[in-house]
Amino acid sequence: MANLPVAVTSSALRPPRGLAARLDVPRRVTLLAAGLVVLLVGLLLAFIGWNGIQIFTATGASLTDVFAPIWSPSATPARFGILPFVLGTLGVMVVAALIAAPLSIGLAIFMAEVAPPWARSITRPAMEVFVGIPSVVYGFLGLTILVPFLRENFRGIGFTLGFSWFAGSLVLALMILPTIASIAYDTLLTIPAELRSASLALGTTRWQTIRHILLPAARTGLLTAVILGMMRAAGEALAVQMVIGNRPTIPTSLTAPMTTLTSQITLDMGNTVSGEPWNQVLWTMGLVLLLMSFTFVVIVRALGRRVSQP
């Protein structure tokens, strides 16, 4: 009679105690690293939030006082209205996105659907080079080329100084263009090839396929690309500061000088003393920027959930 197989118990499958402990070390290290990152982020947010509300708790200022249209910290009495900087940040960011989004999406469509392999092999590394250029280089190019060009050739329509809302938005548009194009390109590549084949099999042209099939299918991913580009534009300081004029007034036209939250923080951080209202309101600006970033993150995550839903 053949020997019957012996039942394997769970204790026989369990590795030795020492081996089990060694196998569990990577998991514990990973959990520790993740917990440390969460702790650091939480401490950072708490630090910025606590310092950002000091202007309200320590000086008794109200939201109306802080979000006022007048900024004169050295006057008597001092006025710490940050509304011009908030509107300036939003204005520069929106105009930059309006300029960069069509160009970026068009470039992504060219690389994904039109360009031959040799052209794609050139365009993709070129975008990566643009992403790696430091922001101070963009700002210096804008200061030495764009600002004089606007001042000398468009003086009749208001560019008397060259430093303007439009100059800042144009520099930012150039900076965020490769970011939007790269994400949009990856989005177009994720569209199933069956959609293209089915559309072309029905007799449509390549442009009709792109316009009526691919762009609607990639709409959410393209919006995400634009929003991420706007997030980078909102946090940029040095390049914008060099070309925007840094005038603390509410922007009234694209040809007028203005400033942003990041530009004003970098300009004033060396002129303040910790604990005084001027320094506290700079932390409040940082808190406003943080809240703006949170808003963008929430929008991106909502769009991501929309894509993942069947």
C-alpha atoms as a PDB file:
ATOM      1  CA  MET A   1       0.000   0.000   0.000  1.00  0.00           C
ATOM      2  CA  ALA A   2       1.349   3.378  -0.947  1.00  0.00           C
ATOM      3  CA  ASN A   3       2.150   5.778   1.828  1.00  0.00           C
ATOM      4  CA  LEU A   4      -0.539   8.406   2.323  1.00  0.00           C
ATOM      5  CA  PRO A   5       0.645  12.048   2.211  1.00  0.00           C
ATOM      6  CA  VAL A   6       1.117  13.542   5.628  1.00  0.00           C
ATOM      7  CA  ALA A   7      -1.023  16.592   6.332  1.00  0.00           C
ATOM      8  CA  VAL A   8       1.052  19.731   6.497  1.00  0.00           C
ATOM      9  CA  THR A   9       0.206  21.777   9.543  1.00  0.00           C
ATOM     10  CA  SER A  10       0.456  25.562   9.800  1.00  0.00           C
ATOM     11  CA  SER A  11       3.294  25.218  12.297  1.00  0.00           C
ATOM     12  CA  ALA A  12       5.342  23.331   9.690  1.00  0.00           C
ATOM     13  CA  LEU A  13       4.880  26.183   7.171  1.00  0.00           C
ATOM     14  CA  ARG A  14       5.813  28.868   9.674  1.00  0.00           C
ATOM     15  CA  PRO A  15       9.444  30.009   9.273  1.00  0.00           C
ATOM     16  CA  PRO A  16      11.785  29.904  12.236  1.00  0.00           C
ATOM     17  CA  ARG A  17      11.436  32.681  14.776  1.00  0.00           C
ATOM     18  CA  GLY A  18      14.743  34.327  13.928  1.00  0.00           C
ATOM     19  CA  LEU A  19      14.052  34.261  10.196  1.00  0.00           C
ATOM     20  CA  ALA A  20      10.573  35.717  10.691  1.00  0.00           C
ATOM     21  CA  ALA A  21      12.007  38.602  12.672  1.00  0.00           C
ATOM     22  CA  ARG A  22      14.587  39.302   9.971  1.00  0.00           C
ATOM     23  CA  LEU A  23      11.953  39.203   7.238  1.00  0.00           C
ATOM     24  CA  ASP A  24       9.810  41.703   9.172  1.00  0.00           C
ATOM     25  CA  VAL A  25      12.589  44.314   9.447  1.00  0.00           C
ATOM     26  CA  PRO A  26      12.009  45.932   5.985  1.00  0.00           C
ATOM     27  CA  ARG A  27       8.310  46.295   6.779  1.00  0.00           C
ATOM     28  CA  ARG A  28       9.047  48.000  10.076  1.00  0.00           C
ATOM     29  CA  VAL A  29      11.613  50.309   8.488  1.00  0.00           C
ATOM     30  CA  THR A  30       9.118  51.270   5.773  1.00  0.00           C
ATOM     31  CA  LEU A  31       6.410  51.999   8.327  1.00  0.00           C
ATOM     32  CA  LEU A  32       8.864  54.051  10.376  1.00  0.00           C
ATOM     33  CA  ALA A  33       9.907  56.081   7.328  1.00  0.00           C
ATOM     34  CA  ALA A  34       6.281  56.696   6.328  1.00  0.00           C
ATOM     35  CA  GLY A  35       5.381  57.726   9.857  1.00  0.00           C
ATOM     36  CA  LEU A  36       8.358  60.093   9.986  1.00  0.00           C
ATOM     37  CA  VAL A  37       7.284  61.767   6.738  1.00  0.00           C
ATOM     38  CA  VAL A  38       3.741  62.199   8.037  1.00  0.00           C
ATOM     39  CA  LEU A  39       5.084  63.643  11.285  1.00  0.00           C
ATOM     40  CA  LEU A  40       7.344  66.118   9.493  1.00  0.00           C
ATOM     41  CA  VAL A  41       4.524  67.268   7.220  1.00  0.00           C
ATOM     42  CA  GLY A  42       2.211  67.659  10.195  1.00  0.00           C
ATOM     43  CA  LEU A  43       4.811  69.678  12.136  1.00  0.00           C
ATOM     44  CA  LEU A  44       5.457  71.888   9.111  1.00  0.00           C
ATOM     45  CA  LEU A  45       1.774  72.582   8.596  1.00  0.00           C
ATOM     46  CA  ALA A  46       1.265  73.269  12.293  1.00  0.00           C
ATOM     47  CA  PHE A  47       4.251  75.640  12.371  1.00  0.00           C
ATOM     48  CA  ILE A  48       3.094  77.637   9.348  1.00  0.00           C
ATOM     49  CA  GLY A  49      -0.497  77.678  10.577  1.00  0.00           C
ATOM     50  CA  TRP A  50       0.448  78.826  14.081  1.00  0.00           C
ATOM     51  CA  ASN A  51       2.682  81.636  12.808  1.00  0.00           C
ATOM     52  CA  GLY A  52       0.140  82.561  10.149  1.00  0.00           C
ATOM     53  CA  ILE A  53      -2.595  83.343  12.683  1.00  0.00           C
ATOM     54  CA  GLN A  54      -0.361  85.386  15.012  1.00  0.00           C
ATOM     55  CA  ILE A  55      -1.345  88.613  13.266  1.00  0.00           C
ATOM     56  CA  PHE A  56      -4.909  87.943  14.456  1.00  0.00           C
ATOM     57  CA  THR A  57      -4.206  86.596  17.950  1.00  0.00           C
ATOM     58  CA  ALA A  58      -1.281  88.821  18.982  1.00  0.00           C
ATOM     59  CA  THR A  59      -2.323  92.173  17.505  1.00  0.00           C
ATOM     60  CA  GLY A  60      -6.093  91.744  17.414  1.00  0.00           C
ATOM     61  CA  ALA A  61      -6.258  92.404  13.658  1.00  0.00           C
ATOM     62  CA  SER A  62      -9.390  91.293  11.833  1.00  0.00           C
ATOM     63  CA  LEU A  63      -9.796  89.640   8.453  1.00  0.00           C
ATOM     64  CA  THR A  64     -10.922  92.995   7.092  1.00  0.00           C
ATOM     65  CA  ASP A  65      -7.688  94.597   8.252  1.00  0.00           C
ATOM     66  CA  VAL A  66      -5.458  91.890   6.768  1.00  0.00           C
ATOM     67  CA  PHE A  67      -7.332  91.469   3.482  1.00  0.00           C
ATOM     68  CA  ALA A  68      -7.455  95.216   2.866  1.00  0.00           C
ATOM     69  CA  PRO A  69      -6.268  96.858  -0.394  1.00  0.00           C
ATOM     70  CA  ILE A  70      -3.571  99.065   1.178  1.00  0.00           C
ATOM     71  CA  TRP A  71      -0.047  97.879   2.022  1.00  0.00           C
ATOM     72  CA  SER A  72       2.088 100.431   3.911  1.00  0.00           C
ATOM     73  CA  PRO A  73       3.955  98.650   6.727  1.00  0.00           C
ATOM     74  CA  SER A  74       6.347 101.525   7.419  1.00  0.00           C
ATOM     75  CA  ALA A  75       3.663 104.212   7.657  1.00  0.00           C
ATOM     76  CA  THR A  76       2.024 105.535  10.820  1.00  0.00           C
ATOM     77  CA  PRO A  77      -0.283 103.845  11.453  1.00  0.00           C
ATOM     78  CA  ALA A  78       0.959 100.772   9.613  1.00  0.00           C
ATOM     79  CA  ARG A  79      -1.380  99.104   7.115  1.00  0.00           C
ATOM     80  CA  PHE A  80      -0.931  95.420   6.311  1.00  0.00           C
ATOM     81  CA  GLY A  81      -3.474  94.752   3.566  1.00  0.00           C
ATOM     82  CA  ILE A  82      -2.445  91.701   1.528  1.00  0.00           C
ATOM     83  CA  LEU A  83      -5.324  91.823  -0.960  1.00  0.00           C
ATOM     84  CA  PRO A  84      -3.109  93.240  -3.786  1.00  0.00           C
ATOM     85  CA  PHE A  85      -0.730  90.305  -3.394  1.00  0.00           C
ATOM     86  CA  VAL A  86      -3.504  87.696  -3.353  1.00  0.00           C
ATOM     87  CA  LEU A  87      -5.119  89.159  -6.464  1.00  0.00           C
ATOM     88  CA  GLY A  88      -1.717  89.543  -8.106  1.00  0.00           C
ATOM     89  CA  THR A  89      -0.872  85.888  -7.486  1.00  0.00           C
ATOM     90  CA  LEU A  90      -4.193  84.694  -8.857  1.00  0.00           C
ATOM     91  CA  GLY A  91      -4.012  87.049 -11.845  1.00  0.00           C
ATOM     92  CA  VAL A  92      -0.482  86.107 -12.881  1.00  0.00           C
ATOM     93  CA  MET A  93      -1.250  82.427 -12.417  1.00  0.00           C
ATOM     94  CA  VAL A  94      -4.454  82.475 -14.478  1.00  0.00           C
ATOM     95  CA  VAL A  95      -2.996  84.470 -17.371  1.00  0.00           C
ATOM     96  CA  ALA A  96       0.082  82.224 -17.442  1.00  0.00           C
ATOM     97  CA  ALA A  97      -2.172  79.161 -17.620  1.00  0.00           C
ATOM     98  CA  LEU A  98      -4.239  80.723 -20.424  1.00  0.00           C
ATOM     99  CA  ILE A  99      -1.056  81.282 -22.422  1.00  0.00           C
ATOM    100  CA  ALA A 100       0.675  77.989 -21.656  1.00  0.00           C
ATOM    101  CA  ALA A 101      -2.234  75.528 -21.730  1.00  0.00           C
ATOM    102  CA  PRO A 102      -3.058  75.679 -25.487  1.00  0.00           C
ATOM    103  CA  LEU A 103       0.618  75.559 -26.442  1.00  0.00           C
ATOM    104  CA  SER A 104       1.372  72.720 -24.029  1.00  0.00           C
ATOM    105  CA  ILE A 105      -1.609  70.593 -25.035  1.00  0.00           C
ATOM    106  CA  GLY A 106      -0.859  71.219 -28.701  1.00  0.00           C
ATOM    107  CA  LEU A 107       2.734  70.102 -28.148  1.00  0.00           C
ATOM    108  CA  ALA A 108       1.530  66.985 -26.317  1.00  0.00           C
ATOM    109  CA  ILE A 109      -0.861  66.129 -29.160  1.00  0.00           C
ATOM    110  CA  PHE A 110       1.934  66.590 -31.696  1.00  0.00           C
ATOM    111  CA  MET A 111       4.285  64.278 -29.813  1.00  0.00           C
ATOM    112  CA  ALA A 112       1.667  61.607 -29.068  1.00  0.00           C
ATOM    113  CA  GLU A 113      -0.298  61.529 -32.318  1.00  0.00           C
ATOM    114  CA  VAL A 114       1.519  63.303 -35.147  1.00  0.00           C
ATOM    115  CA  ALA A 115       5.280  63.390 -34.685  1.00  0.00           C
ATOM    116  CA  PRO A 116       7.443  60.657 -36.204  1.00  0.00           C
ATOM    117  CA  PRO A 117       9.705  58.751 -33.801  1.00  0.00           C
ATOM    118  CA  TRP A 118      12.786  60.837 -34.628  1.00  0.00           C
ATOM    119  CA  ALA A 119      10.964  64.097 -33.852  1.00  0.00           C
ATOM    120  CA  ARG A 120       9.580  62.640 -30.622  1.00  0.00           C
ATOM    121  CA  SER A 121      13.066  61.570 -29.577  1.00  0.00           C
ATOM    122  CA  ILE A 122      14.174  65.204 -29.879  1.00  0.00           C
ATOM    123  CA  THR A 123      11.150  66.937 -28.398  1.00  0.00           C
ATOM    124  CA  ARG A 124      10.871  64.885 -25.191  1.00  0.00           C
ATOM    125  CA  PRO A 125      14.504  65.463 -24.038  1.00  0.00           C
ATOM    126  CA  ALA A 126      14.132  69.153 -24.929  1.00  0.00           C
ATOM    127  CA  MET A 127      11.164  69.423 -22.546  1.00  0.00           C
ATOM    128  CA  GLU A 128      13.180  67.777 -19.794  1.00  0.00           C
ATOM    129  CA  VAL A 129      15.947  70.325 -20.334  1.00  0.00           C
ATOM    130  CA  PHE A 130      13.422  73.166 -20.001  1.00  0.00           C
ATOM    131  CA  VAL A 131      12.168  71.706 -16.711  1.00  0.00           C
ATOM    132  CA  GLY A 132      15.707  71.631 -15.331  1.00  0.00           C
ATOM    133  CA  ILE A 133      16.533  75.271 -16.100  1.00  0.00           C
ATOM    134  CA  PRO A 134      16.718  77.283 -12.819  1.00  0.00           C
ATOM    135  CA  SER A 135      14.030  79.898 -12.332  1.00  0.00           C
ATOM    136  CA  VAL A 136      16.613  82.659 -11.926  1.00  0.00           C
ATOM    137  CA  VAL A 137      17.677  82.044 -15.535  1.00  0.00           C
ATOM    138  CA  TYR A 138      14.111  82.576 -16.739  1.00  0.00           C
ATOM    139  CA  GLY A 139      13.893  85.727 -14.656  1.00  0.00           C
ATOM    140  CA  PHE A 140      17.210  87.068 -15.961  1.00  0.00           C
ATOM    141  CA  LEU A 141      16.168  86.419 -19.566  1.00  0.00           C
ATOM    142  CA  GLY A 142      12.885  88.202 -18.915  1.00  0.00           C
ATOM    143  CA  LEU A 143      14.692  91.125 -17.289  1.00  0.00           C
ATOM    144  CA  THR A 144      17.253  91.585 -20.063  1.00  0.00           C
ATOM    145  CA  ILE A 145      15.160  90.671 -23.135  1.00  0.00           C
ATOM    146  CA  LEU A 146      11.412  90.695 -22.493  1.00  0.00           C
ATOM    147  CA  VAL A 147      11.109  93.838 -20.363  1.00  0.00           C
ATOM    148  CA  PRO A 148      13.167  96.081 -22.729  1.00  0.00           C
ATOM    149  CA  PHE A 149      11.287  94.622 -25.713  1.00  0.00           C
ATOM    150  CA  LEU A 150       7.905  95.503 -24.211  1.00  0.00           C
ATOM    151  CA  ARG A 151       9.076  98.965 -23.162  1.00  0.00           C
ATOM    152  CA  GLU A 152      10.520  99.876 -26.553  1.00  0.00           C
ATOM    153  CA  ASN A 153       7.955  98.309 -28.912  1.00  0.00           C
ATOM    154  CA  PHE A 154       4.633  98.502 -27.049  1.00  0.00           C
ATOM    155  CA  ARG A 155       4.868 101.838 -25.292  1.00  0.00           C
ATOM    156  CA  GLY A 156       1.761 103.071 -27.059  1.00  0.00           C
ATOM    157  CA  ILE A 157      -0.526 100.514 -25.415  1.00  0.00           C
ATOM    158  CA  GLY A 158       0.680 101.039 -21.859  1.00  0.00           C
ATOM    159  CA  PHE A 159       4.010  99.227 -21.429  1.00  0.00           C
ATOM    160  CA  THR A 160       5.793 102.410 -20.329  1.00  0.00           C
ATOM    161  CA  LEU A 161       8.065 100.527 -17.904  1.00  0.00           C
ATOM    162  CA  GLY A 162       8.064  97.040 -19.368  1.00  0.00           C
ATOM    163  CA  PHE A 163       7.705  95.620 -15.855  1.00  0.00           C
ATOM    164  CA  SER A 164       4.125  94.427 -15.819  1.00  0.00           C
ATOM    165  CA  TRP A 165       1.522  91.770 -15.087  1.00  0.00           C
ATOM    166  CA  PHE A 166       1.876  90.504 -18.665  1.00  0.00           C
ATOM    167  CA  ALA A 167       5.658  90.178 -18.411  1.00  0.00           C
ATOM    168  CA  GLY A 168       5.348  88.098 -15.241  1.00  0.00           C
ATOM    169  CA  SER A 169       2.669  85.892 -16.782  1.00  0.00           C
ATOM    170  CA  LEU A 170       4.707  85.377 -19.939  1.00  0.00           C
ATOM    171  CA  VAL A 171       7.770  84.256 -17.984  1.00  0.00           C
ATOM    172  CA  LEU A 172       5.635  81.930 -15.883  1.00  0.00           C
ATOM    173  CA  ALA A 173       3.944  80.534 -18.995  1.00  0.00           C
ATOM    174  CA  LEU A 174       7.352  79.594 -20.389  1.00  0.00           C
ATOM    175  CA  MET A 175       8.275  77.930 -17.104  1.00  0.00           C
ATOM    176  CA  ILE A 176       5.114  75.836 -16.727  1.00  0.00           C
ATOM    177  CA  LEU A 177       4.810  74.906 -20.410  1.00  0.00           C
ATOM    178  CA  PRO A 178       7.025  71.774 -20.198  1.00  0.00           C
ATOM    179  CA  THR A 179       5.276  70.632 -17.011  1.00  0.00           C
ATOM    180  CA  ILE A 180       1.820  70.776 -18.573  1.00  0.00           C
ATOM    181  CA  ALA A 181       3.047  69.291 -21.860  1.00  0.00           C
ATOM    182  CA  SER A 182       4.746  66.349 -20.155  1.00  0.00           C
ATOM    183  CA  ILE A 183       1.691  65.412 -18.078  1.00  0.00           C
ATOM    184  CA  ALA A 184      -0.656  65.910 -21.035  1.00  0.00           C
ATOM    185  CA  TYR A 185       1.589  63.710 -23.198  1.00  0.00           C
ATOM    186  CA  ASP A 186       1.507  60.909 -20.628  1.00  0.00           C
ATOM    187  CA  THR A 187      -2.272  61.255 -20.417  1.00  0.00           C
ATOM    188  CA  LEU A 188      -2.698  60.866 -24.170  1.00  0.00           C
ATOM    189  CA  LEU A 189      -0.501  57.770 -24.155  1.00  0.00           C
ATOM    190  CA  THR A 190      -2.808  56.080 -21.637  1.00  0.00           C
ATOM    191  CA  ILE A 191      -5.778  56.202 -24.020  1.00  0.00           C
ATOM    192  CA  PRO A 192      -6.355  52.696 -25.430  1.00  0.00           C
ATOM    193  CA  ALA A 193      -5.198  52.235 -29.005  1.00  0.00           C
ATOM    194  CA  GLU A 194      -8.535  50.557 -29.792  1.00  0.00           C
ATOM    195  CA  LEU A 195     -10.272  53.942 -29.645  1.00  0.00           C
ATOM    196  CA  ARG A 196      -7.981  55.331 -32.326  1.00  0.00           C
ATOM    197  CA  SER A 197      -8.321  52.234 -34.510  1.00  0.00           C
ATOM    198  CA  ALA A 198     -12.109  52.156 -34.212  1.00  0.00           C
ATOM    199  CA  SER A 199     -12.407  55.842 -35.055  1.00  0.00           C
ATOM    200  CA  LEU A 200     -10.142  55.586 -38.089  1.00  0.00           C
ATOM    201  CA  ALA A 201     -11.947  52.441 -39.230  1.00  0.00           C
ATOM    202  CA  LEU A 202     -15.159  54.454 -39.398  1.00  0.00           C
ATOM    203  CA  GLY A 203     -13.579  56.739 -41.972  1.00  0.00           C
ATOM    204  CA  THR A 204     -12.679  59.726 -39.784  1.00  0.00           C
ATOM    205  CA  THR A 205      -9.548  61.748 -40.359  1.00  0.00           C
ATOM    206  CA  ARG A 206      -6.712  61.976 -37.889  1.00  0.00           C
ATOM    207  CA  TRP A 207      -7.801  65.455 -36.762  1.00  0.00           C
ATOM    208  CA  GLN A 208     -11.405  64.324 -36.290  1.00  0.00           C
ATOM    209  CA  THR A 209     -10.158  61.423 -34.178  1.00  0.00           C
ATOM    210  CA  ILE A 210      -8.075  63.775 -32.036  1.00  0.00           C
ATOM    211  CA  ARG A 211     -10.840  66.341 -31.656  1.00  0.00           C
ATOM    212  CA  HIS A 212     -13.854  64.111 -31.078  1.00  0.00           C
ATOM    213  CA  ILE A 213     -12.325  60.996 -29.488  1.00  0.00           C
ATOM    214  CA  LEU A 214      -8.953  61.604 -27.863  1.00  0.00           C
ATOM    215  CA  LEU A 215      -9.451  65.063 -26.362  1.00  0.00           C
ATOM    216  CA  PRO A 216     -12.795  64.191 -24.695  1.00  0.00           C
ATOM    217  CA  ALA A 217     -11.309  60.941 -23.389  1.00  0.00           C
ATOM    218  CA  ALA A 218      -8.295  62.782 -21.949  1.00  0.00           C
ATOM    219  CA  ARG A 219     -10.219  65.824 -20.681  1.00  0.00           C
ATOM    220  CA  THR A 220      -9.745  65.056 -16.987  1.00  0.00           C
ATOM    221  CA  GLY A 221      -6.039  64.326 -17.345  1.00  0.00           C
ATOM    222  CA  LEU A 222      -5.498  67.499 -19.342  1.00  0.00           C
ATOM    223  CA  LEU A 223      -7.283  69.562 -16.680  1.00  0.00           C
ATOM    224  CA  THR A 224      -5.062  67.933 -14.065  1.00  0.00           C
ATOM    225  CA  ALA A 225      -1.983  68.915 -16.077  1.00  0.00           C
ATOM    226  CA  VAL A 226      -3.113  72.538 -16.260  1.00  0.00           C
ATOM    227  CA  ILE A 227      -3.873  72.659 -12.528  1.00  0.00           C
ATOM    228  CA  LEU A 228      -0.472  71.214 -11.642  1.00  0.00           C
ATOM    229  CA  GLY A 229       1.125  73.824 -13.863  1.00  0.00           C
ATOM    230  CA  MET A 230      -0.823  76.529 -12.055  1.00  0.00           C
ATOM    231  CA  MET A 231       0.416  75.129  -8.738  1.00  0.00           C
ATOM    232  CA  ARG A 232       3.995  75.633  -9.891  1.00  0.00           C
ATOM    233  CA  ALA A 233       3.159  79.121 -11.104  1.00  0.00           C
ATOM    234  CA  ALA A 234       1.610  80.069  -7.753  1.00  0.00           C
ATOM    235  CA  GLY A 235       4.767  79.098  -5.845  1.00  0.00           C
ATOM    236  CA  GLU A 236       7.294  80.765  -8.136  1.00  0.00           C
ATOM    237  CA  ALA A 237       9.019  83.814  -6.632  1.00  0.00           C
ATOM    238  CA  LEU A 238      12.363  84.861  -8.096  1.00  0.00           C
ATOM    239  CA  ALA A 239      11.576  84.780 -11.819  1.00  0.00           C
ATOM    240  CA  VAL A 240       8.336  86.726 -11.315  1.00  0.00           C
ATOM    241  CA  GLN A 241       9.939  89.186  -8.924  1.00  0.00           C
ATOM    242  CA  MET A 242      12.518  90.193 -11.541  1.00  0.00           C
ATOM    243  CA  VAL A 243       9.992  91.204 -14.225  1.00  0.00           C
ATOM    244  CA  ILE A 244       6.690  92.084 -12.557  1.00  0.00           C
ATOM    245  CA  GLY A 245       7.559  95.507 -11.136  1.00  0.00           C
ATOM    246  CA  ASN A 246       6.842  94.727  -7.440  1.00  0.00           C
ATOM    247  CA  ARG A 247       4.306  97.509  -6.942  1.00  0.00           C
ATOM    248  CA  PRO A 248       1.955  96.721  -3.992  1.00  0.00           C
ATOM    249  CA  THR A 249      -1.245  97.832  -5.675  1.00  0.00           C
ATOM    250  CA  ILE A 250      -4.286  95.975  -6.949  1.00  0.00           C
ATOM    251  CA  PRO A 251      -3.658  95.101 -10.621  1.00  0.00           C
ATOM    252  CA  THR A 252      -5.820  97.071 -13.012  1.00  0.00           C
ATOM    253  CA  SER A 253      -4.422  96.078 -16.427  1.00  0.00           C
ATOM    254  CA  LEU A 254      -1.959  93.680 -18.009  1.00  0.00           C
ATOM    255  CA  THR A 255       0.430  96.579 -18.662  1.00  0.00           C
ATOM    256  CA  ALA A 256       0.644  97.760 -15.047  1.00  0.00           C
ATOM    257  CA  PRO A 257       3.348  96.738 -12.534  1.00  0.00           C
ATOM    258  CA  MET A 258       2.158  94.615  -9.622  1.00  0.00           C
ATOM    259  CA  THR A 259       3.426  91.986  -7.204  1.00  0.00           C
ATOM    260  CA  THR A 260       2.567  88.568  -5.804  1.00  0.00           C
ATOM    261  CA  LEU A 261       2.586  86.843  -2.435  1.00  0.00           C
ATOM    262  CA  THR A 262       5.867  85.041  -3.040  1.00  0.00           C
ATOM    263  CA  SER A 263       7.577  88.140  -4.434  1.00  0.00           C
ATOM    264  CA  GLN A 264       6.563  90.286  -1.479  1.00  0.00           C
ATOM    265  CA  ILE A 265       7.653  87.653   1.038  1.00  0.00           C
ATOM    266  CA  THR A 266      11.131  87.456  -0.500  1.00  0.00           C
ATOM    267  CA  LEU A 267      11.396  91.244  -0.697  1.00  0.00           C
ATOM    268  CA  ASP A 268      10.375  91.915   2.920  1.00  0.00           C
ATOM    269  CA  MET A 269      11.729  88.932   4.839  1.00  0.00           C
ATOM    270  CA  GLY A 270      15.076  90.673   5.415  1.00  0.00           C
ATOM    271  CA  ASN A 271      13.474  93.895   6.652  1.00  0.00           C
ATOM    272  CA  THR A 272      11.429  92.481   9.511  1.00  0.00           C
ATOM    273  CA  VAL A 273      12.051  91.320  13.065  1.00  0.00           C
ATOM    274  CA  SER A 274      10.486  88.156  14.426  1.00  0.00           C
ATOM    275  CA  GLY A 275       7.420  88.914  16.512  1.00  0.00           C
ATOM    276  CA  GLU A 276       6.524  92.287  15.041  1.00  0.00           C
ATOM    277  CA  PRO A 277       3.308  92.704  12.983  1.00  0.00           C
ATOM    278  CA  TRP A 278       5.208  93.120   9.707  1.00  0.00           C
ATOM    279  CA  ASN A 279       6.871  89.726  10.184  1.00  0.00           C
ATOM    280  CA  GLN A 280       3.622  88.137  11.330  1.00  0.00           C
ATOM    281  CA  VAL A 281       1.734  89.236   8.235  1.00  0.00           C
ATOM    282  CA  LEU A 282       4.439  87.669   6.054  1.00  0.00           C
ATOM    283  CA  TRP A 283       3.680  84.356   7.774  1.00  0.00           C
ATOM    284  CA  THR A 284       0.016  85.000   7.031  1.00  0.00           C
ATOM    285  CA  MET A 285       0.924  85.326   3.344  1.00  0.00           C
ATOM    286  CA  GLY A 286       2.672  81.974   3.564  1.00  0.00           C
ATOM    287  CA  LEU A 287      -0.447  80.477   5.138  1.00  0.00           C
ATOM    288  CA  VAL A 288      -2.580  81.859   2.302  1.00  0.00           C
ATOM    289  CA  LEU A 289      -0.221  80.263  -0.221  1.00  0.00           C
ATOM    290  CA  LEU A 290      -0.490  76.988   1.677  1.00  0.00           C
ATOM    291  CA  LEU A 291      -4.286  77.132   1.562  1.00  0.00           C
ATOM    292  CA  MET A 292      -4.142  77.833  -2.170  1.00  0.00           C
ATOM    293  CA  SER A 293      -1.923  74.769  -2.640  1.00  0.00           C
ATOM    294  CA  PHE A 294      -4.348  72.664  -0.597  1.00  0.00           C
ATOM    295  CA  THR A 295      -7.179  73.834  -2.833  1.00  0.00           C
ATOM    296  CA  PHE A 296      -5.279  72.750  -5.942  1.00  0.00           C
ATOM    297  CA  VAL A 297      -4.435  69.382  -4.363  1.00  0.00           C
ATOM    298  CA  VAL A 298      -8.095  68.784  -3.514  1.00  0.00           C
ATOM    299  CA  ILE A 299      -9.096  69.610  -7.089  1.00  0.00           C
ATOM    300  CA  VAL A 300      -6.450  67.269  -8.523  1.00  0.00           C
ATOM    301  CA  ARG A 301      -7.504  64.416  -6.224  1.00  0.00           C
ATOM    302  CA  ALA A 302     -11.162  64.967  -7.118  1.00  0.00           C
ATOM    303  CA  LEU A 303     -10.288  64.768 -10.795  1.00  0.00           C
ATOM    304  CA  GLY A 304      -8.245  61.636 -10.125  1.00  0.00           C
ATOM    305  CA  ARG A 305     -11.204  59.952  -8.402  1.00  0.00           C
ATOM    306  CA  ARG A 306     -13.361  60.911 -11.343  1.00  0.00           C
ATOM    307  CA  VAL A 307     -10.960  59.133 -13.712  1.00  0.00           C
ATOM    308  CA  SER A 308     -10.808  55.994 -11.559  1.00  0.00           C
ATOM    309  CA  GLN A 309     -14.588  55.617 -11.400  1.00  0.00           C
ATOM    310  CA  PRO A 310     -16.012  53.204 -14.000  1.00  0.00           C
END
